[in-house]
Amino acid sequence: MAVVDVYDINRSKVGEVSLNQAIFEVPIKNHLLHEVVTMQLACRRSGTAATKGRSQVRGGGRKPYRQKGTGRARAGTIRSPLWRGGGTVFGPQPRSYAYKVPKKVRRAALKMALSSKLQEGQLLVLEDYPYDTPKTKEFVKVMNNLQVRKALFITSGDHPALSLSARNVPYVQVMRSEGLNVYDVLCHDYLVLLKPAITKIEESLTT
């Protein structure tokens, strides 16, 4: 059972909390993390690239010149793929790149991502964010006090003051515990958990 310090917004220790060993202290397998991150990035692709085939390109309704006697190759339309301005052969069309990996693999990879942050000393537990009104200046002060940059904040529920305060701060993201995922954990340098969120994370990953 891992025991980590709990800090306030001034980075003063106010207590300790025990983390579930089955979630925050699991062996890390890089190939699983890679598999899940690749899946997440594929699912985020818009897949809107498209080109026009010969039937979609404007023009080319009539035969450009007669079939025989010109000494040129036969041509039925100026929109042939062989002609400049013609259609594209086998060009990209709108499609979905999304696919899924098994749920067990996704859960295991998330546990590994959390464990990696704990092992690297990049996981902080915050007692609470006490401000009720959005103030970006106050949030930046908290970031400086915690000595973190490029951080992912995890809350147990909606926290409008924190979300709005961090909205314009670069490299910072605020997310509810339900949205916790491998890619966002790994692409931020620090993972900051509000203390109430730990219970929800452990409940969702142990059931």
N, C-alpha and C. Protein backbone atom coordinates (compact mmCIF):
# COMPACT_ATOMS: atom_id res chain seq x y z
N MET A 1 0.85 -1.19 0.00
CA MET A 1 0.00 0.00 0.00
C MET A 1 0.88 1.25 0.00
N ALA A 2 0.78 2.04 -1.06
CA ALA A 2 1.58 3.26 -1.16
C ALA A 2 0.93 4.37 -0.33
N VAL A 3 1.74 5.10 0.40
CA VAL A 3 1.27 6.23 1.19
C VAL A 3 1.93 7.49 0.63
N VAL A 4 1.11 8.46 0.23
CA VAL A 4 1.62 9.70 -0.33
C VAL A 4 1.13 10.88 0.50
N ASP A 5 1.87 11.96 0.42
CA ASP A 5 1.52 13.17 1.16
C ASP A 5 0.38 13.90 0.48
N VAL A 6 -0.43 14.56 1.31
CA VAL A 6 -1.51 15.40 0.81
C VAL A 6 -1.13 16.85 1.08
N TYR A 7 -1.23 17.68 0.04
CA TYR A 7 -0.81 19.09 0.16
C TYR A 7 -2.00 20.03 0.03
N ASP A 8 -1.81 21.24 0.57
CA ASP A 8 -2.77 22.30 0.30
C ASP A 8 -2.25 23.13 -0.86
N ILE A 9 -2.91 24.23 -1.18
CA ILE A 9 -2.53 25.00 -2.37
C ILE A 9 -1.20 25.73 -2.19
N ASN A 10 -0.67 25.76 -0.97
CA ASN A 10 0.64 26.37 -0.72
C ASN A 10 1.75 25.33 -0.66
N ARG A 11 1.43 24.09 -1.02
CA ARG A 11 2.34 22.94 -0.96
C ARG A 11 2.83 22.69 0.47
N SER A 12 1.95 22.90 1.41
CA SER A 12 2.22 22.52 2.80
C SER A 12 1.53 21.19 3.07
N LYS A 13 2.25 20.29 3.67
CA LYS A 13 1.69 18.97 3.94
C LYS A 13 0.59 19.07 4.98
N VAL A 14 -0.58 18.53 4.66
CA VAL A 14 -1.72 18.57 5.59
C VAL A 14 -2.19 17.18 5.97
N GLY A 15 -1.52 16.15 5.45
CA GLY A 15 -1.92 14.79 5.80
C GLY A 15 -1.30 13.79 4.86
N GLU A 16 -1.82 12.56 4.97
CA GLU A 16 -1.36 11.48 4.10
C GLU A 16 -2.56 10.69 3.63
N VAL A 17 -2.38 9.99 2.53
CA VAL A 17 -3.44 9.15 2.01
C VAL A 17 -2.83 7.86 1.46
N SER A 18 -3.54 6.76 1.64
CA SER A 18 -3.07 5.46 1.14
C SER A 18 -3.68 5.21 -0.23
N LEU A 19 -2.84 4.78 -1.15
CA LEU A 19 -3.28 4.47 -2.50
C LEU A 19 -3.35 2.96 -2.70
N ASN A 20 -4.36 2.54 -3.41
CA ASN A 20 -4.56 1.11 -3.66
C ASN A 20 -3.39 0.54 -4.45
N GLN A 21 -2.77 -0.48 -3.90
CA GLN A 21 -1.59 -1.09 -4.53
C GLN A 21 -1.92 -1.72 -5.87
N ALA A 22 -3.14 -2.22 -6.01
CA ALA A 22 -3.54 -2.88 -7.25
C ALA A 22 -3.76 -1.90 -8.39
N ILE A 23 -3.74 -0.59 -8.09
CA ILE A 23 -3.97 0.43 -9.11
C ILE A 23 -2.74 1.31 -9.33
N PHE A 24 -2.08 1.66 -8.25
CA PHE A 24 -0.98 2.62 -8.33
C PHE A 24 0.39 1.97 -8.21
N GLU A 25 0.45 0.66 -8.07
CA GLU A 25 1.74 -0.02 -7.98
C GLU A 25 1.72 -1.31 -8.80
N VAL A 26 1.44 -1.19 -10.06
CA VAL A 26 1.41 -2.36 -10.94
C VAL A 26 2.63 -2.32 -11.87
N PRO A 27 3.10 -3.48 -12.33
CA PRO A 27 4.23 -3.50 -13.27
C PRO A 27 3.85 -2.79 -14.57
N ILE A 28 4.78 -2.04 -15.11
CA ILE A 28 4.51 -1.24 -16.31
C ILE A 28 4.98 -2.00 -17.55
N LYS A 29 4.08 -2.15 -18.51
CA LYS A 29 4.39 -2.80 -19.78
C LYS A 29 4.20 -1.78 -20.89
N ASN A 30 5.31 -1.35 -21.46
CA ASN A 30 5.26 -0.26 -22.43
C ASN A 30 4.44 -0.61 -23.67
N HIS A 31 4.45 -1.88 -24.06
CA HIS A 31 3.72 -2.23 -25.28
C HIS A 31 2.21 -2.07 -25.10
N LEU A 32 1.71 -2.29 -23.86
CA LEU A 32 0.28 -2.08 -23.61
C LEU A 32 -0.07 -0.59 -23.65
N LEU A 33 0.80 0.21 -23.05
CA LEU A 33 0.57 1.66 -23.09
C LEU A 33 0.56 2.16 -24.53
N HIS A 34 1.49 1.67 -25.32
CA HIS A 34 1.56 2.08 -26.73
C HIS A 34 0.31 1.66 -27.48
N GLU A 35 -0.17 0.47 -27.21
CA GLU A 35 -1.36 -0.03 -27.91
C GLU A 35 -2.58 0.83 -27.62
N VAL A 36 -2.75 1.19 -26.35
CA VAL A 36 -3.94 1.96 -25.97
C VAL A 36 -3.83 3.41 -26.46
N VAL A 37 -2.65 4.00 -26.36
CA VAL A 37 -2.47 5.38 -26.85
C VAL A 37 -2.69 5.44 -28.36
N THR A 38 -2.20 4.45 -29.09
CA THR A 38 -2.40 4.41 -30.54
C THR A 38 -3.89 4.32 -30.86
N MET A 39 -4.64 3.53 -30.10
CA MET A 39 -6.08 3.41 -30.30
C MET A 39 -6.77 4.75 -30.04
N GLN A 40 -6.39 5.43 -28.95
CA GLN A 40 -7.02 6.70 -28.62
C GLN A 40 -6.76 7.75 -29.71
N LEU A 41 -5.53 7.81 -30.20
CA LEU A 41 -5.22 8.78 -31.25
C LEU A 41 -5.94 8.45 -32.55
N ALA A 42 -6.10 7.16 -32.84
CA ALA A 42 -6.84 6.77 -34.04
C ALA A 42 -8.30 7.18 -33.93
N CYS A 43 -8.88 7.03 -32.74
CA CYS A 43 -10.28 7.39 -32.53
C CYS A 43 -10.49 8.90 -32.63
N ARG A 44 -9.44 9.67 -32.37
CA ARG A 44 -9.57 11.13 -32.43
C ARG A 44 -9.40 11.68 -33.84
N ARG A 45 -8.96 10.86 -34.77
CA ARG A 45 -8.77 11.34 -36.14
C ARG A 45 -10.11 11.71 -36.77
N SER A 46 -10.14 12.82 -37.46
CA SER A 46 -11.40 13.27 -38.05
C SER A 46 -11.79 12.42 -39.25
N GLY A 47 -10.82 11.95 -40.02
CA GLY A 47 -11.12 11.10 -41.17
C GLY A 47 -11.93 11.81 -42.24
N THR A 48 -11.68 13.12 -42.44
CA THR A 48 -12.47 13.88 -43.40
C THR A 48 -11.75 14.14 -44.73
N ALA A 49 -10.54 13.60 -44.89
CA ALA A 49 -9.82 13.80 -46.15
C ALA A 49 -10.62 13.19 -47.30
N ALA A 50 -10.72 13.94 -48.39
CA ALA A 50 -11.52 13.45 -49.52
C ALA A 50 -11.02 14.06 -50.82
N THR A 51 -11.09 13.28 -51.90
CA THR A 51 -10.80 13.78 -53.25
C THR A 51 -11.96 13.40 -54.17
N LYS A 52 -12.01 14.03 -55.34
CA LYS A 52 -13.09 13.77 -56.28
C LYS A 52 -12.64 12.80 -57.37
N GLY A 53 -13.48 11.84 -57.63
CA GLY A 53 -13.25 10.92 -58.73
C GLY A 53 -13.70 11.53 -60.05
N ARG A 54 -13.53 10.80 -61.13
CA ARG A 54 -13.85 11.35 -62.46
C ARG A 54 -15.33 11.67 -62.60
N SER A 55 -16.19 11.00 -61.87
CA SER A 55 -17.62 11.27 -61.98
C SER A 55 -18.05 12.48 -61.16
N GLN A 56 -17.16 12.97 -60.30
CA GLN A 56 -17.51 14.09 -59.42
C GLN A 56 -16.89 15.41 -59.86
N VAL A 57 -15.89 15.35 -60.74
CA VAL A 57 -15.22 16.57 -61.17
C VAL A 57 -16.11 17.33 -62.16
N ARG A 58 -16.13 18.65 -62.02
CA ARG A 58 -16.99 19.48 -62.88
C ARG A 58 -16.50 19.45 -64.32
N GLY A 59 -17.42 19.36 -65.27
CA GLY A 59 -17.09 19.44 -66.68
C GLY A 59 -16.91 18.07 -67.31
N GLY A 60 -16.51 18.08 -68.58
CA GLY A 60 -16.21 16.83 -69.26
C GLY A 60 -17.43 16.08 -69.75
N GLY A 61 -18.51 16.81 -70.06
CA GLY A 61 -19.73 16.12 -70.49
C GLY A 61 -19.70 15.65 -71.92
N ARG A 62 -18.86 16.24 -72.73
CA ARG A 62 -18.84 15.84 -74.14
C ARG A 62 -17.45 15.30 -74.50
N LYS A 63 -17.42 14.56 -75.58
CA LYS A 63 -16.17 14.01 -76.07
C LYS A 63 -15.30 15.16 -76.60
N PRO A 64 -14.04 15.27 -76.17
CA PRO A 64 -13.22 16.44 -76.54
C PRO A 64 -12.91 16.53 -78.03
N TYR A 65 -12.75 15.41 -78.71
CA TYR A 65 -12.51 15.42 -80.16
C TYR A 65 -12.94 14.07 -80.72
N ARG A 66 -13.01 13.97 -82.04
CA ARG A 66 -13.53 12.75 -82.65
C ARG A 66 -12.63 11.55 -82.38
N GLN A 67 -13.23 10.39 -82.51
CA GLN A 67 -12.54 9.15 -82.13
C GLN A 67 -11.34 8.86 -83.03
N LYS A 68 -11.50 9.03 -84.32
CA LYS A 68 -10.45 8.62 -85.26
C LYS A 68 -9.98 9.80 -86.12
N GLY A 69 -8.80 9.64 -86.66
CA GLY A 69 -8.32 10.57 -87.65
C GLY A 69 -7.51 11.74 -87.12
N THR A 70 -7.35 11.87 -85.84
CA THR A 70 -6.60 13.01 -85.31
C THR A 70 -5.14 12.64 -85.02
N GLY A 71 -4.84 11.36 -84.97
CA GLY A 71 -3.50 10.93 -84.62
C GLY A 71 -3.23 10.95 -83.12
N ARG A 72 -4.24 11.30 -82.34
CA ARG A 72 -4.09 11.34 -80.89
C ARG A 72 -4.75 10.12 -80.26
N ALA A 73 -4.43 9.89 -79.01
CA ALA A 73 -5.05 8.77 -78.31
C ALA A 73 -6.54 9.03 -78.13
N ARG A 74 -7.31 7.95 -78.09
CA ARG A 74 -8.75 8.08 -77.90
C ARG A 74 -9.06 8.72 -76.55
N ALA A 75 -10.03 9.61 -76.49
CA ALA A 75 -10.41 10.26 -75.23
C ALA A 75 -11.91 10.48 -75.24
N GLY A 76 -12.55 10.15 -74.12
CA GLY A 76 -14.00 10.30 -74.03
C GLY A 76 -14.41 11.48 -73.16
N THR A 77 -13.49 11.99 -72.34
CA THR A 77 -13.81 13.11 -71.45
C THR A 77 -12.53 13.82 -71.04
N ILE A 78 -12.63 15.11 -70.83
CA ILE A 78 -11.46 15.87 -70.38
C ILE A 78 -11.22 15.68 -68.88
N ARG A 79 -12.12 14.98 -68.22
CA ARG A 79 -11.97 14.76 -66.78
C ARG A 79 -11.43 13.36 -66.46
N SER A 80 -10.81 12.74 -67.44
CA SER A 80 -10.14 11.46 -67.21
C SER A 80 -8.99 11.66 -66.23
N PRO A 81 -8.69 10.69 -65.38
CA PRO A 81 -7.56 10.82 -64.45
C PRO A 81 -6.22 11.06 -65.15
N LEU A 82 -6.15 10.76 -66.46
CA LEU A 82 -4.91 10.98 -67.20
C LEU A 82 -4.71 12.45 -67.58
N TRP A 83 -5.78 13.22 -67.51
CA TRP A 83 -5.72 14.62 -67.94
C TRP A 83 -5.54 15.54 -66.74
N ARG A 84 -4.90 16.69 -67.02
CA ARG A 84 -4.79 17.71 -65.98
C ARG A 84 -6.18 18.22 -65.60
N GLY A 85 -6.46 18.29 -64.32
CA GLY A 85 -7.78 18.70 -63.86
C GLY A 85 -8.78 17.56 -63.81
N GLY A 86 -8.32 16.35 -64.10
CA GLY A 86 -9.21 15.20 -64.06
C GLY A 86 -9.42 14.66 -62.65
N GLY A 87 -10.20 13.60 -62.57
CA GLY A 87 -10.49 12.99 -61.27
C GLY A 87 -9.27 12.25 -60.72
N THR A 88 -9.36 11.92 -59.45
CA THR A 88 -8.28 11.20 -58.77
C THR A 88 -8.63 9.71 -58.71
N VAL A 89 -7.64 8.89 -58.94
CA VAL A 89 -7.86 7.44 -58.89
C VAL A 89 -7.55 6.94 -57.47
N PHE A 90 -8.51 6.26 -56.89
CA PHE A 90 -8.34 5.65 -55.56
C PHE A 90 -7.87 6.67 -54.51
N GLY A 91 -8.40 7.89 -54.59
CA GLY A 91 -8.04 8.91 -53.60
C GLY A 91 -8.73 8.66 -52.27
N PRO A 92 -8.32 9.38 -51.21
CA PRO A 92 -8.93 9.19 -49.89
C PRO A 92 -10.39 9.63 -49.88
N GLN A 93 -11.19 8.93 -49.11
CA GLN A 93 -12.59 9.24 -48.92
C GLN A 93 -12.89 9.30 -47.42
N PRO A 94 -13.90 10.06 -47.01
CA PRO A 94 -14.22 10.12 -45.57
C PRO A 94 -14.40 8.74 -44.97
N ARG A 95 -13.76 8.52 -43.84
CA ARG A 95 -13.82 7.22 -43.18
C ARG A 95 -13.54 7.38 -41.71
N SER A 96 -13.85 6.37 -40.95
CA SER A 96 -13.55 6.35 -39.52
C SER A 96 -12.34 5.47 -39.27
N TYR A 97 -11.40 6.01 -38.52
CA TYR A 97 -10.19 5.26 -38.17
C TYR A 97 -10.33 4.56 -36.81
N ALA A 98 -11.49 4.70 -36.18
CA ALA A 98 -11.67 4.20 -34.81
C ALA A 98 -11.66 2.68 -34.76
N TYR A 99 -11.09 2.17 -33.71
CA TYR A 99 -11.15 0.74 -33.40
C TYR A 99 -11.03 0.58 -31.90
N LYS A 100 -11.26 -0.59 -31.40
CA LYS A 100 -11.24 -0.81 -29.96
C LYS A 100 -10.27 -1.91 -29.58
N VAL A 101 -9.69 -1.74 -28.40
CA VAL A 101 -8.93 -2.83 -27.79
C VAL A 101 -9.77 -3.34 -26.62
N PRO A 102 -9.53 -4.56 -26.16
CA PRO A 102 -10.36 -5.11 -25.09
C PRO A 102 -10.39 -4.22 -23.84
N LYS A 103 -11.51 -4.25 -23.15
CA LYS A 103 -11.69 -3.42 -21.96
C LYS A 103 -10.65 -3.74 -20.89
N LYS A 104 -10.29 -5.01 -20.76
CA LYS A 104 -9.28 -5.39 -19.77
C LYS A 104 -7.93 -4.73 -20.08
N VAL A 105 -7.61 -4.64 -21.36
CA VAL A 105 -6.34 -4.02 -21.76
C VAL A 105 -6.38 -2.53 -21.44
N ARG A 106 -7.51 -1.86 -21.71
CA ARG A 106 -7.62 -0.43 -21.45
C ARG A 106 -7.50 -0.14 -19.95
N ARG A 107 -8.15 -0.96 -19.13
CA ARG A 107 -8.07 -0.76 -17.68
C ARG A 107 -6.67 -1.02 -17.17
N ALA A 108 -6.02 -2.08 -17.68
CA ALA A 108 -4.66 -2.39 -17.25
C ALA A 108 -3.70 -1.26 -17.63
N ALA A 109 -3.88 -0.71 -18.84
CA ALA A 109 -3.00 0.37 -19.29
C ALA A 109 -3.19 1.63 -18.45
N LEU A 110 -4.42 1.91 -18.04
CA LEU A 110 -4.67 3.08 -17.20
C LEU A 110 -3.99 2.92 -15.84
N LYS A 111 -4.07 1.72 -15.28
CA LYS A 111 -3.38 1.46 -14.01
C LYS A 111 -1.86 1.65 -14.17
N MET A 112 -1.33 1.20 -15.29
CA MET A 112 0.11 1.36 -15.54
C MET A 112 0.48 2.83 -15.67
N ALA A 113 -0.37 3.61 -16.33
CA ALA A 113 -0.09 5.04 -16.49
C ALA A 113 -0.07 5.73 -15.13
N LEU A 114 -1.04 5.39 -14.28
CA LEU A 114 -1.07 5.98 -12.93
C LEU A 114 0.15 5.54 -12.13
N SER A 115 0.51 4.28 -12.26
CA SER A 115 1.67 3.76 -11.53
C SER A 115 2.96 4.45 -11.98
N SER A 116 3.06 4.74 -13.28
CA SER A 116 4.27 5.38 -13.80
C SER A 116 4.42 6.78 -13.21
N LYS A 117 3.32 7.50 -13.06
CA LYS A 117 3.39 8.84 -12.48
C LYS A 117 3.83 8.78 -11.01
N LEU A 118 3.33 7.78 -10.29
CA LEU A 118 3.73 7.63 -8.89
C LEU A 118 5.21 7.26 -8.79
N GLN A 119 5.66 6.35 -9.63
CA GLN A 119 7.06 5.92 -9.59
C GLN A 119 8.02 7.06 -9.94
N GLU A 120 7.60 7.92 -10.85
CA GLU A 120 8.47 9.01 -11.29
C GLU A 120 8.36 10.25 -10.41
N GLY A 121 7.55 10.17 -9.34
CA GLY A 121 7.40 11.31 -8.44
C GLY A 121 6.64 12.46 -9.06
N GLN A 122 5.78 12.16 -10.03
CA GLN A 122 5.03 13.21 -10.73
C GLN A 122 3.55 13.16 -10.41
N LEU A 123 3.20 12.53 -9.30
CA LEU A 123 1.81 12.47 -8.85
C LEU A 123 1.69 13.26 -7.55
N LEU A 124 0.80 14.24 -7.54
CA LEU A 124 0.55 15.04 -6.35
C LEU A 124 -0.91 14.91 -5.95
N VAL A 125 -1.15 14.89 -4.65
CA VAL A 125 -2.51 14.85 -4.13
C VAL A 125 -2.80 16.19 -3.47
N LEU A 126 -3.84 16.85 -3.94
CA LEU A 126 -4.23 18.17 -3.43
C LEU A 126 -5.46 18.02 -2.55
N GLU A 127 -5.40 18.60 -1.37
CA GLU A 127 -6.52 18.49 -0.42
C GLU A 127 -7.81 19.05 -1.03
N ASP A 128 -7.71 20.24 -1.60
CA ASP A 128 -8.89 20.86 -2.20
C ASP A 128 -8.45 22.11 -2.95
N TYR A 129 -9.29 22.54 -3.85
CA TYR A 129 -9.08 23.85 -4.49
C TYR A 129 -10.14 24.77 -3.90
N PRO A 130 -9.75 25.65 -2.97
CA PRO A 130 -10.74 26.34 -2.13
C PRO A 130 -11.48 27.49 -2.78
N TYR A 131 -11.04 27.96 -3.92
CA TYR A 131 -11.67 29.14 -4.50
C TYR A 131 -13.00 28.78 -5.15
N ASP A 132 -13.98 29.66 -4.96
CA ASP A 132 -15.32 29.43 -5.52
C ASP A 132 -15.58 30.24 -6.78
N THR A 133 -14.73 31.25 -7.03
CA THR A 133 -14.91 32.07 -8.22
C THR A 133 -13.70 31.88 -9.14
N PRO A 134 -13.93 31.88 -10.44
CA PRO A 134 -12.82 31.67 -11.39
C PRO A 134 -11.84 32.84 -11.37
N LYS A 135 -10.59 32.56 -11.07
CA LYS A 135 -9.54 33.57 -11.09
C LYS A 135 -8.27 32.93 -11.65
N THR A 136 -7.93 33.27 -12.88
CA THR A 136 -6.76 32.68 -13.51
C THR A 136 -5.49 33.05 -12.75
N LYS A 137 -5.42 34.28 -12.26
CA LYS A 137 -4.24 34.72 -11.52
C LYS A 137 -4.02 33.86 -10.28
N GLU A 138 -5.11 33.55 -9.56
CA GLU A 138 -4.99 32.72 -8.36
C GLU A 138 -4.56 31.30 -8.72
N PHE A 139 -5.07 30.80 -9.85
CA PHE A 139 -4.70 29.45 -10.26
C PHE A 139 -3.22 29.39 -10.63
N VAL A 140 -2.73 30.40 -11.30
CA VAL A 140 -1.30 30.44 -11.66
C VAL A 140 -0.45 30.46 -10.40
N LYS A 141 -0.89 31.18 -9.37
CA LYS A 141 -0.16 31.19 -8.09
C LYS A 141 -0.11 29.78 -7.49
N VAL A 142 -1.24 29.07 -7.58
CA VAL A 142 -1.29 27.70 -7.06
C VAL A 142 -0.31 26.82 -7.83
N MET A 143 -0.27 26.97 -9.14
CA MET A 143 0.67 26.20 -9.96
C MET A 143 2.11 26.47 -9.55
N ASN A 144 2.42 27.74 -9.31
CA ASN A 144 3.77 28.09 -8.90
C ASN A 144 4.10 27.54 -7.52
N ASN A 145 3.11 27.57 -6.62
CA ASN A 145 3.33 27.03 -5.28
C ASN A 145 3.57 25.52 -5.32
N LEU A 146 2.81 24.84 -6.18
CA LEU A 146 2.96 23.39 -6.29
C LEU A 146 4.19 22.99 -7.10
N GLN A 147 4.78 23.98 -7.80
CA GLN A 147 5.98 23.74 -8.62
C GLN A 147 5.70 22.71 -9.72
N VAL A 148 4.57 22.89 -10.37
CA VAL A 148 4.21 21.99 -11.47
C VAL A 148 3.91 22.81 -12.71
N ARG A 149 4.13 22.22 -13.85
CA ARG A 149 3.82 22.81 -15.14
C ARG A 149 3.42 21.68 -16.08
N LYS A 150 2.58 21.98 -17.01
CA LYS A 150 2.04 20.96 -17.91
C LYS A 150 1.40 19.84 -17.08
N ALA A 151 0.30 20.19 -16.41
CA ALA A 151 -0.31 19.29 -15.43
C ALA A 151 -1.75 18.95 -15.80
N LEU A 152 -2.14 17.77 -15.38
CA LEU A 152 -3.51 17.29 -15.53
C LEU A 152 -4.14 17.23 -14.16
N PHE A 153 -5.21 18.01 -13.95
CA PHE A 153 -5.92 18.04 -12.67
C PHE A 153 -7.16 17.15 -12.77
N ILE A 154 -7.31 16.27 -11.80
CA ILE A 154 -8.45 15.34 -11.78
C ILE A 154 -9.35 15.68 -10.61
N THR A 155 -10.63 15.91 -10.89
CA THR A 155 -11.60 16.24 -9.85
C THR A 155 -12.61 15.11 -9.71
N SER A 156 -13.31 15.10 -8.60
CA SER A 156 -14.31 14.04 -8.36
C SER A 156 -15.64 14.36 -9.03
N GLY A 157 -15.85 15.60 -9.36
CA GLY A 157 -17.10 16.02 -10.00
C GLY A 157 -16.88 17.36 -10.68
N ASP A 158 -17.97 18.04 -11.01
CA ASP A 158 -17.85 19.36 -11.64
C ASP A 158 -17.23 20.35 -10.67
N HIS A 159 -16.25 21.08 -11.15
CA HIS A 159 -15.60 22.12 -10.35
C HIS A 159 -15.43 23.33 -11.26
N PRO A 160 -16.50 24.11 -11.44
CA PRO A 160 -16.47 25.23 -12.40
C PRO A 160 -15.36 26.23 -12.13
N ALA A 161 -15.11 26.54 -10.84
CA ALA A 161 -14.08 27.54 -10.53
C ALA A 161 -12.71 27.09 -11.01
N LEU A 162 -12.39 25.83 -10.76
CA LEU A 162 -11.09 25.30 -11.19
C LEU A 162 -11.02 25.18 -12.71
N SER A 163 -12.07 24.68 -13.32
CA SER A 163 -12.07 24.49 -14.78
C SER A 163 -11.93 25.82 -15.52
N LEU A 164 -12.67 26.84 -15.07
CA LEU A 164 -12.64 28.13 -15.74
C LEU A 164 -11.34 28.87 -15.46
N SER A 165 -10.78 28.68 -14.27
CA SER A 165 -9.52 29.33 -13.92
C SER A 165 -8.37 28.79 -14.75
N ALA A 166 -8.43 27.50 -15.07
CA ALA A 166 -7.32 26.85 -15.79
C ALA A 166 -7.51 26.87 -17.30
N ARG A 167 -8.66 27.36 -17.75
CA ARG A 167 -9.00 27.25 -19.16
C ARG A 167 -8.00 27.94 -20.08
N ASN A 168 -7.48 29.09 -19.67
CA ASN A 168 -6.57 29.85 -20.52
C ASN A 168 -5.11 29.64 -20.17
N VAL A 169 -4.82 28.73 -19.28
CA VAL A 169 -3.43 28.45 -18.90
C VAL A 169 -2.90 27.36 -19.83
N PRO A 170 -1.83 27.63 -20.56
CA PRO A 170 -1.32 26.62 -21.51
C PRO A 170 -0.79 25.38 -20.81
N TYR A 171 -0.95 24.24 -21.48
CA TYR A 171 -0.43 22.95 -21.03
C TYR A 171 -1.08 22.47 -19.73
N VAL A 172 -2.27 22.96 -19.42
CA VAL A 172 -2.99 22.53 -18.22
C VAL A 172 -4.37 22.06 -18.64
N GLN A 173 -4.82 20.96 -18.06
CA GLN A 173 -6.14 20.43 -18.37
C GLN A 173 -6.81 19.98 -17.07
N VAL A 174 -8.09 20.27 -16.95
CA VAL A 174 -8.89 19.84 -15.80
C VAL A 174 -9.90 18.82 -16.29
N MET A 175 -10.00 17.70 -15.61
CA MET A 175 -10.85 16.61 -16.07
C MET A 175 -11.51 15.92 -14.88
N ARG A 176 -12.73 15.48 -15.08
CA ARG A 176 -13.39 14.68 -14.05
C ARG A 176 -12.81 13.27 -14.04
N SER A 177 -12.94 12.60 -12.91
CA SER A 177 -12.35 11.27 -12.77
C SER A 177 -12.93 10.29 -13.77
N GLU A 178 -14.19 10.50 -14.19
CA GLU A 178 -14.80 9.59 -15.16
C GLU A 178 -14.10 9.65 -16.52
N GLY A 179 -13.47 10.78 -16.83
CA GLY A 179 -12.82 10.92 -18.13
C GLY A 179 -11.35 10.56 -18.14
N LEU A 180 -10.84 10.07 -17.02
CA LEU A 180 -9.41 9.75 -16.92
C LEU A 180 -9.03 8.72 -17.98
N ASN A 181 -7.94 9.00 -18.71
CA ASN A 181 -7.53 8.10 -19.78
C ASN A 181 -6.01 8.08 -19.90
N VAL A 182 -5.51 7.08 -20.58
CA VAL A 182 -4.07 6.84 -20.67
C VAL A 182 -3.35 7.98 -21.38
N TYR A 183 -3.87 8.41 -22.52
CA TYR A 183 -3.17 9.41 -23.32
C TYR A 183 -2.97 10.71 -22.54
N ASP A 184 -4.04 11.22 -21.92
CA ASP A 184 -3.93 12.50 -21.21
C ASP A 184 -3.03 12.39 -19.99
N VAL A 185 -3.02 11.24 -19.34
CA VAL A 185 -2.12 11.06 -18.18
C VAL A 185 -0.67 11.12 -18.65
N LEU A 186 -0.37 10.44 -19.75
CA LEU A 186 1.03 10.34 -20.20
C LEU A 186 1.52 11.62 -20.88
N CYS A 187 0.64 12.38 -21.52
CA CYS A 187 1.12 13.55 -22.26
C CYS A 187 1.29 14.77 -21.37
N HIS A 188 0.89 14.68 -20.10
CA HIS A 188 1.16 15.76 -19.14
C HIS A 188 2.29 15.33 -18.21
N ASP A 189 3.11 16.30 -17.84
CA ASP A 189 4.25 15.98 -16.97
C ASP A 189 3.80 15.59 -15.57
N TYR A 190 2.78 16.27 -15.06
CA TYR A 190 2.33 16.02 -13.69
C TYR A 190 0.86 15.63 -13.65
N LEU A 191 0.55 14.77 -12.72
CA LEU A 191 -0.84 14.38 -12.46
C LEU A 191 -1.21 14.86 -11.07
N VAL A 192 -2.17 15.77 -10.99
CA VAL A 192 -2.59 16.34 -9.71
C VAL A 192 -3.99 15.83 -9.41
N LEU A 193 -4.12 15.05 -8.35
CA LEU A 193 -5.40 14.47 -7.96
C LEU A 193 -5.98 15.24 -6.79
N LEU A 194 -7.19 15.74 -6.95
CA LEU A 194 -7.88 16.25 -5.77
C LEU A 194 -8.29 15.06 -4.92
N LYS A 195 -8.12 15.18 -3.63
CA LYS A 195 -8.26 14.02 -2.74
C LYS A 195 -9.57 13.26 -2.94
N PRO A 196 -10.73 13.91 -3.07
CA PRO A 196 -11.98 13.15 -3.27
C PRO A 196 -11.98 12.31 -4.54
N ALA A 197 -11.16 12.68 -5.53
CA ALA A 197 -11.16 11.94 -6.80
C ALA A 197 -10.51 10.58 -6.66
N ILE A 198 -9.63 10.41 -5.66
CA ILE A 198 -8.93 9.13 -5.50
C ILE A 198 -9.93 8.01 -5.24
N THR A 199 -10.92 8.28 -4.38
CA THR A 199 -11.92 7.27 -4.06
C THR A 199 -12.67 6.83 -5.31
N LYS A 200 -13.06 7.79 -6.15
CA LYS A 200 -13.80 7.45 -7.36
C LYS A 200 -12.94 6.67 -8.35
N ILE A 201 -11.67 7.04 -8.46
CA ILE A 201 -10.78 6.32 -9.37
C ILE A 201 -10.62 4.87 -8.91
N GLU A 202 -10.42 4.67 -7.61
CA GLU A 202 -10.24 3.33 -7.09
C GLU A 202 -11.51 2.50 -7.23
N GLU A 203 -12.65 3.12 -7.04
CA GLU A 203 -13.93 2.41 -7.20
C GLU A 203 -14.12 1.94 -8.65
N SER A 204 -13.81 2.82 -9.58
CA SER A 204 -14.05 2.47 -10.99
C SER A 204 -13.07 1.43 -11.50
N LEU A 205 -11.86 1.39 -10.95
CA LEU A 205 -10.85 0.46 -11.46
C LEU A 205 -10.77 -0.84 -10.67
N THR A 206 -11.56 -0.98 -9.63
CA THR A 206 -11.55 -2.22 -8.85
C THR A 206 -12.84 -3.01 -9.03
N THR A 207 -13.87 -2.40 -9.61
CA THR A 207 -15.14 -3.10 -9.81
C THR A 207 -15.12 -3.87 -11.12
